[in-house]
Amino acid sequence: MTEQENIVTLTDDEGNDHEFEVIDVIKVDDSEYAILRPLEDEEDEAIILKVSTDEDGNEILMDIEDDEEWEKVADAWQESLDEEEE
């Protein structure tokens, strides 16, 4: 993952780089999650990745494997969006 301001570049399983804009970072329970929107196709939906650290202490973004955890984070993000609209 490379980062400049609020843009991150992620590499997929095939080795292709994709740029994303970090549109939000939220904390749920004791973990942080990044909400990302792809720059290539503005029509794509935002994705949610968990912010973690590797063995060297560097921040990394990871897929959320647990459906219940993903739903909890998606609900928290939707609630924060709803609060911003009010």
Protein backbone atom coordinates (compact mmCIF):
# COMPACT_ATOMS: atom_id res chain seq x y z
CA MET A 1 0.00 0.00 0.00
CA THR A 2 1.33 3.41 -0.91
CA GLU A 3 -0.25 6.61 0.34
CA GLN A 4 -0.28 10.28 -0.69
CA GLU A 5 -2.69 12.55 1.15
CA ASN A 6 -6.01 10.68 0.93
CA ILE A 7 -5.16 8.42 -2.05
CA VAL A 8 -4.01 4.83 -1.55
CA THR A 9 -2.83 2.33 -4.14
CA LEU A 10 -3.78 -1.29 -3.55
CA THR A 11 -2.48 -4.27 -5.52
CA ASP A 12 -4.93 -7.06 -6.38
CA ASP A 13 -4.19 -10.80 -6.56
CA GLU A 14 -3.13 -10.50 -10.21
CA GLY A 15 -0.57 -7.78 -9.43
CA ASN A 16 -2.65 -4.91 -10.85
CA ASP A 17 -2.55 -1.57 -9.01
CA HIS A 18 -5.79 0.28 -8.26
CA GLU A 19 -6.07 3.76 -6.75
CA PHE A 20 -8.66 4.59 -4.11
CA GLU A 21 -9.67 7.74 -2.31
CA VAL A 22 -9.96 7.39 1.46
CA ILE A 23 -13.35 8.96 2.11
CA ASP A 24 -13.58 8.11 5.79
CA VAL A 25 -11.87 6.28 8.63
CA ILE A 26 -14.14 5.08 11.42
CA LYS A 27 -13.58 3.32 14.70
CA VAL A 28 -15.84 0.44 15.67
CA ASP A 29 -15.23 -1.28 18.98
CA ASP A 30 -11.42 -1.21 19.27
CA SER A 31 -10.57 -1.36 15.54
CA GLU A 32 -10.27 1.22 12.77
CA TYR A 33 -11.71 0.78 9.29
CA ALA A 34 -11.02 2.70 6.08
CA ILE A 35 -13.85 3.51 3.68
CA LEU A 36 -12.42 3.67 0.16
CA ARG A 37 -13.86 4.75 -3.20
CA PRO A 38 -12.15 3.60 -6.42
CA LEU A 39 -10.75 6.46 -8.53
CA GLU A 40 -10.93 4.52 -11.81
CA ASP A 41 -14.70 4.16 -11.78
CA GLU A 42 -16.64 6.67 -9.71
CA GLU A 43 -19.77 4.52 -10.15
CA ASP A 44 -18.30 1.63 -8.12
CA GLU A 45 -19.44 1.31 -4.54
CA ALA A 46 -17.16 2.16 -1.65
CA ILE A 47 -15.28 -0.68 -0.02
CA ILE A 48 -14.46 -1.18 3.64
CA LEU A 49 -11.08 -2.48 4.77
CA LYS A 50 -9.75 -3.03 8.28
CA VAL A 51 -6.72 -0.96 9.32
CA SER A 52 -4.12 -3.18 10.95
CA THR A 53 -0.35 -3.29 11.43
CA ASP A 54 2.16 -5.75 10.04
CA GLU A 55 5.03 -7.33 11.98
CA ASP A 56 7.20 -4.25 11.26
CA GLY A 57 4.61 -1.86 12.71
CA ASN A 58 3.49 -0.48 9.32
CA GLU A 59 -0.19 0.27 8.74
CA ILE A 60 -1.84 -2.13 6.31
CA LEU A 61 -5.38 -2.54 4.98
CA MET A 62 -6.99 -5.97 5.21
CA ASP A 63 -10.18 -7.54 3.94
CA ILE A 64 -12.86 -8.12 6.57
CA GLU A 65 -13.35 -11.88 6.61
CA ASP A 66 -16.24 -12.02 9.09
CA ASP A 67 -19.68 -11.12 7.67
CA GLU A 68 -20.97 -10.02 11.07
CA GLU A 69 -18.00 -7.68 11.58
CA TRP A 70 -18.47 -6.23 8.06
CA GLU A 71 -22.19 -5.60 8.68
CA LYS A 72 -21.43 -3.91 12.00
CA VAL A 73 -18.91 -1.55 10.35
CA ALA A 74 -21.21 -0.85 7.37
CA ASP A 75 -24.05 -0.01 9.76
CA ALA A 76 -21.79 2.30 11.81
CA TRP A 77 -20.66 4.10 8.66
CA GLN A 78 -24.26 4.49 7.46
CA GLU A 79 -25.21 5.93 10.85
CA SER A 80 -22.38 8.48 10.62
CA LEU A 81 -23.55 9.46 7.13
CA ASP A 82 -27.11 9.87 8.39
CA GLU A 83 -25.89 12.06 11.26
CA GLU A 84 -23.96 14.28 8.83
CA GLU A 85 -27.13 14.83 6.78
CA GLU A 86 -29.08 16.04 9.82
